[in-house]
Amino acid sequence: MKTIMVLLLLLLGIVPAHGAADCDPPECPVVVDAIDGPVHESADSYAAVLKLRNGAAKQDVEVSYRFVDGTAKQGEDYQAAPRGTVTVKSGQTQAGVPYRVLRVTDQKKQFTLEITSVKNGQAGKRVAVFTIAGKR
């Protein structure tokens, strides 16, 4: 019955609120969200977070990603593997993707991490934004 209601809402153009469960486990798909980063005010090592929306994984979930330059440039403002794959292990709720802020300038700069594919699940929020704050 719940599935019929969700389909009806979709047909009418009414979508359930973000993050609202429209199914009961174990029927719920594994959904991976890219989480926006904090505002970085110093050069240091960090990890981008890829988080499962519906709790711990029942099996390994493989997430492919890529970093995309914005006003912050790879090799100048931040350093990361341009593309890669990370695994959210069975029983876990998230995985980290390492990157390093190389410098903080007077200008606010941004770059993004984009989920390109998910094996044993699906992408939810595909893009996370990372900000390198200007010096105060």
C-alpha atoms as a PDB file:
ATOM      1  CA  MET A   1       0.000   0.000   0.000  1.00  0.00           C
ATOM      2  CA  LYS A   2       2.849   2.368   0.902  1.00  0.00           C
ATOM      3  CA  THR A   3       4.448   1.837  -2.524  1.00  0.00           C
ATOM      4  CA  ILE A   4       1.185   2.677  -4.276  1.00  0.00           C
ATOM      5  CA  MET A   5       0.892   5.891  -2.251  1.00  0.00           C
ATOM      6  CA  VAL A   6       4.448   6.938  -3.155  1.00  0.00           C
ATOM      7  CA  LEU A   7       3.819   6.228  -6.846  1.00  0.00           C
ATOM      8  CA  LEU A   8       0.606   8.245  -6.698  1.00  0.00           C
ATOM      9  CA  LEU A   9       2.431  11.153  -5.060  1.00  0.00           C
ATOM     10  CA  LEU A  10       5.135  10.999  -7.731  1.00  0.00           C
ATOM     11  CA  LEU A  11       2.537  10.990 -10.510  1.00  0.00           C
ATOM     12  CA  LEU A  12       0.860  14.020  -8.972  1.00  0.00           C
ATOM     13  CA  GLY A  13       4.203  15.775  -8.708  1.00  0.00           C
ATOM     14  CA  ILE A  14       4.235  15.654  -4.923  1.00  0.00           C
ATOM     15  CA  VAL A  15       7.553  14.258  -3.737  1.00  0.00           C
ATOM     16  CA  PRO A  16       8.138  13.057  -0.164  1.00  0.00           C
ATOM     17  CA  ALA A  17      10.404  15.293   1.957  1.00  0.00           C
ATOM     18  CA  HIS A  18      14.163  14.810   1.489  1.00  0.00           C
ATOM     19  CA  GLY A  19      15.379  11.983   3.643  1.00  0.00           C
ATOM     20  CA  ALA A  20      11.903  10.696   4.420  1.00  0.00           C
ATOM     21  CA  ALA A  21      11.742   6.928   4.204  1.00  0.00           C
ATOM     22  CA  ASP A  22       9.243   5.790   1.604  1.00  0.00           C
ATOM     23  CA  CYS A  23       9.857   2.112   2.316  1.00  0.00           C
ATOM     24  CA  ASP A  24      10.709  -0.183   5.184  1.00  0.00           C
ATOM     25  CA  PRO A  25      14.039  -2.035   5.468  1.00  0.00           C
ATOM     26  CA  PRO A  26      15.174  -4.255   3.856  1.00  0.00           C
ATOM     27  CA  GLU A  27      13.265  -3.007   0.776  1.00  0.00           C
ATOM     28  CA  CYS A  28      14.809   0.475   1.030  1.00  0.00           C
ATOM     29  CA  PRO A  29      17.595   1.091  -1.462  1.00  0.00           C
ATOM     30  CA  VAL A  30      21.025   2.016  -0.129  1.00  0.00           C
ATOM     31  CA  VAL A  31      21.375   5.755  -0.812  1.00  0.00           C
ATOM     32  CA  VAL A  32      24.752   7.530  -0.625  1.00  0.00           C
ATOM     33  CA  ASP A  33      24.925  11.288   0.006  1.00  0.00           C
ATOM     34  CA  ALA A  34      27.957  13.517  -0.527  1.00  0.00           C
ATOM     35  CA  ILE A  35      28.167  15.753   2.566  1.00  0.00           C
ATOM     36  CA  ASP A  36      29.224  19.412   2.217  1.00  0.00           C
ATOM     37  CA  GLY A  37      32.494  20.179   3.959  1.00  0.00           C
ATOM     38  CA  PRO A  38      33.200  22.713   6.674  1.00  0.00           C
ATOM     39  CA  VAL A  39      34.711  26.096   5.846  1.00  0.00           C
ATOM     40  CA  HIS A  40      38.472  25.555   5.927  1.00  0.00           C
ATOM     41  CA  GLU A  41      40.468  28.341   7.532  1.00  0.00           C
ATOM     42  CA  SER A  42      43.875  26.634   7.561  1.00  0.00           C
ATOM     43  CA  ALA A  43      46.015  24.440   5.336  1.00  0.00           C
ATOM     44  CA  ASP A  44      45.697  20.871   6.641  1.00  0.00           C
ATOM     45  CA  SER A  45      44.522  17.334   5.760  1.00  0.00           C
ATOM     46  CA  TYR A  46      40.792  16.590   5.744  1.00  0.00           C
ATOM     47  CA  ALA A  47      38.346  13.920   4.551  1.00  0.00           C
ATOM     48  CA  ALA A  48      35.212  14.397   2.469  1.00  0.00           C
ATOM     49  CA  VAL A  49      32.315  12.330   3.864  1.00  0.00           C
ATOM     50  CA  LEU A  50      30.150   9.981   1.818  1.00  0.00           C
ATOM     51  CA  LYS A  51      27.298   8.921   4.086  1.00  0.00           C
ATOM     52  CA  LEU A  52      24.588   6.285   3.764  1.00  0.00           C
ATOM     53  CA  ARG A  53      21.170   7.843   4.224  1.00  0.00           C
ATOM     54  CA  ASN A  54      19.361   4.745   5.526  1.00  0.00           C
ATOM     55  CA  GLY A  55      21.796   3.510   8.188  1.00  0.00           C
ATOM     56  CA  ALA A  56      24.497   0.850   8.135  1.00  0.00           C
ATOM     57  CA  ALA A  57      25.255  -1.071   4.958  1.00  0.00           C
ATOM     58  CA  LYS A  58      24.215  -4.730   4.782  1.00  0.00           C
ATOM     59  CA  GLN A  59      26.967  -5.320   2.202  1.00  0.00           C
ATOM     60  CA  ASP A  60      29.947  -3.341   0.904  1.00  0.00           C
ATOM     61  CA  VAL A  61      28.906  -0.270  -1.116  1.00  0.00           C
ATOM     62  CA  GLU A  62      31.448   0.955  -3.670  1.00  0.00           C
ATOM     63  CA  VAL A  63      31.295   4.673  -4.480  1.00  0.00           C
ATOM     64  CA  SER A  64      33.191   6.236  -7.386  1.00  0.00           C
ATOM     65  CA  TYR A  65      33.872   9.967  -7.227  1.00  0.00           C
ATOM     66  CA  ARG A  66      35.765  12.836  -8.767  1.00  0.00           C
ATOM     67  CA  PHE A  67      36.946  16.200  -7.503  1.00  0.00           C
ATOM     68  CA  VAL A  68      36.010  19.193  -9.664  1.00  0.00           C
ATOM     69  CA  ASP A  69      37.753  22.565  -9.589  1.00  0.00           C
ATOM     70  CA  GLY A  70      35.705  25.661  -8.930  1.00  0.00           C
ATOM     71  CA  THR A  71      37.446  28.852  -7.937  1.00  0.00           C
ATOM     72  CA  ALA A  72      39.843  26.618  -5.950  1.00  0.00           C
ATOM     73  CA  LYS A  73      42.321  24.835  -8.235  1.00  0.00           C
ATOM     74  CA  GLN A  74      43.778  21.337  -7.839  1.00  0.00           C
ATOM     75  CA  GLY A  75      47.496  21.538  -7.067  1.00  0.00           C
ATOM     76  CA  GLU A  76      47.331  25.219  -6.116  1.00  0.00           C
ATOM     77  CA  ASP A  77      44.646  25.512  -3.445  1.00  0.00           C
ATOM     78  CA  TYR A  78      43.912  21.858  -2.636  1.00  0.00           C
ATOM     79  CA  GLN A  79      45.322  18.417  -3.413  1.00  0.00           C
ATOM     80  CA  ALA A  80      43.342  15.208  -3.903  1.00  0.00           C
ATOM     81  CA  ALA A  81      43.237  12.185  -6.159  1.00  0.00           C
ATOM     82  CA  PRO A  82      41.229  13.617  -9.098  1.00  0.00           C
ATOM     83  CA  ARG A  83      39.165  10.399  -9.363  1.00  0.00           C
ATOM     84  CA  GLY A  84      38.819   7.339  -7.223  1.00  0.00           C
ATOM     85  CA  THR A  85      36.691   4.755  -5.518  1.00  0.00           C
ATOM     86  CA  VAL A  86      35.983   4.277  -1.825  1.00  0.00           C
ATOM     87  CA  THR A  87      34.095   1.472  -0.117  1.00  0.00           C
ATOM     88  CA  VAL A  88      31.564   1.855   2.683  1.00  0.00           C
ATOM     89  CA  LYS A  89      32.129  -1.469   4.419  1.00  0.00           C
ATOM     90  CA  SER A  90      29.281  -3.702   5.548  1.00  0.00           C
ATOM     91  CA  GLY A  91      28.061  -2.518   8.951  1.00  0.00           C
ATOM     92  CA  GLN A  92      29.408   1.024   8.438  1.00  0.00           C
ATOM     93  CA  THR A  93      27.446   4.208   7.693  1.00  0.00           C
ATOM     94  CA  GLN A  94      30.069   6.322   5.922  1.00  0.00           C
ATOM     95  CA  ALA A  95      33.470   6.507   4.264  1.00  0.00           C
ATOM     96  CA  GLY A  96      36.000   9.306   3.923  1.00  0.00           C
ATOM     97  CA  VAL A  97      37.819  10.608   0.855  1.00  0.00           C
ATOM     98  CA  PRO A  98      41.114  12.310   1.762  1.00  0.00           C
ATOM     99  CA  TYR A  99      42.146  15.728   0.470  1.00  0.00           C
ATOM    100  CA  ARG A 100      44.485  18.461   1.612  1.00  0.00           C
ATOM    101  CA  VAL A 101      43.999  22.229   1.658  1.00  0.00           C
ATOM    102  CA  LEU A 102      47.315  23.640   0.420  1.00  0.00           C
ATOM    103  CA  ARG A 103      46.784  27.334   0.983  1.00  0.00           C
ATOM    104  CA  VAL A 104      44.334  29.888   2.273  1.00  0.00           C
ATOM    105  CA  THR A 105      44.335  33.230   0.456  1.00  0.00           C
ATOM    106  CA  ASP A 106      42.459  36.519   0.876  1.00  0.00           C
ATOM    107  CA  GLN A 107      39.675  35.222  -1.380  1.00  0.00           C
ATOM    108  CA  LYS A 108      37.051  32.595  -0.585  1.00  0.00           C
ATOM    109  CA  LYS A 109      37.476  29.643  -2.973  1.00  0.00           C
ATOM    110  CA  GLN A 110      35.444  26.495  -3.604  1.00  0.00           C
ATOM    111  CA  PHE A 111      35.774  23.048  -5.153  1.00  0.00           C
ATOM    112  CA  THR A 112      33.418  20.075  -5.247  1.00  0.00           C
ATOM    113  CA  LEU A 113      33.358  16.309  -4.916  1.00  0.00           C
ATOM    114  CA  GLU A 114      30.905  14.555  -7.210  1.00  0.00           C
ATOM    115  CA  ILE A 115      29.614  10.989  -6.866  1.00  0.00           C
ATOM    116  CA  THR A 116      29.905   9.444 -10.342  1.00  0.00           C
ATOM    117  CA  SER A 117      28.540   5.956  -9.609  1.00  0.00           C
ATOM    118  CA  VAL A 118      27.476   3.628  -6.805  1.00  0.00           C
ATOM    119  CA  LYS A 119      27.741  -0.170  -6.824  1.00  0.00           C
ATOM    120  CA  ASN A 120      25.234  -1.951  -4.509  1.00  0.00           C
ATOM    121  CA  GLY A 121      23.304   1.279  -3.994  1.00  0.00           C
ATOM    122  CA  GLN A 122      22.361   4.583  -5.581  1.00  0.00           C
ATOM    123  CA  ALA A 123      23.467   8.191  -5.358  1.00  0.00           C
ATOM    124  CA  GLY A 124      21.309  10.623  -3.421  1.00  0.00           C
ATOM    125  CA  LYS A 125      22.928  14.045  -3.013  1.00  0.00           C
ATOM    126  CA  ARG A 126      25.629  13.751  -5.695  1.00  0.00           C
ATOM    127  CA  VAL A 127      27.682  16.900  -5.108  1.00  0.00           C
ATOM    128  CA  ALA A 128      29.425  18.176  -1.977  1.00  0.00           C
ATOM    129  CA  VAL A 129      30.841  21.712  -1.830  1.00  0.00           C
ATOM    130  CA  PHE A 130      34.073  22.568  -0.015  1.00  0.00           C
ATOM    131  CA  THR A 131      35.033  26.144   0.838  1.00  0.00           C
ATOM    132  CA  ILE A 132      38.456  27.522   1.605  1.00  0.00           C
ATOM    133  CA  ALA A 133      37.796  30.731   3.532  1.00  0.00           C
ATOM    134  CA  GLY A 134      39.585  33.969   2.818  1.00  0.00           C
ATOM    135  CA  LYS A 135      41.951  35.251   5.496  1.00  0.00           C
ATOM    136  CA  ARG A 136      40.267  37.541   8.003  1.00  0.00           C
END
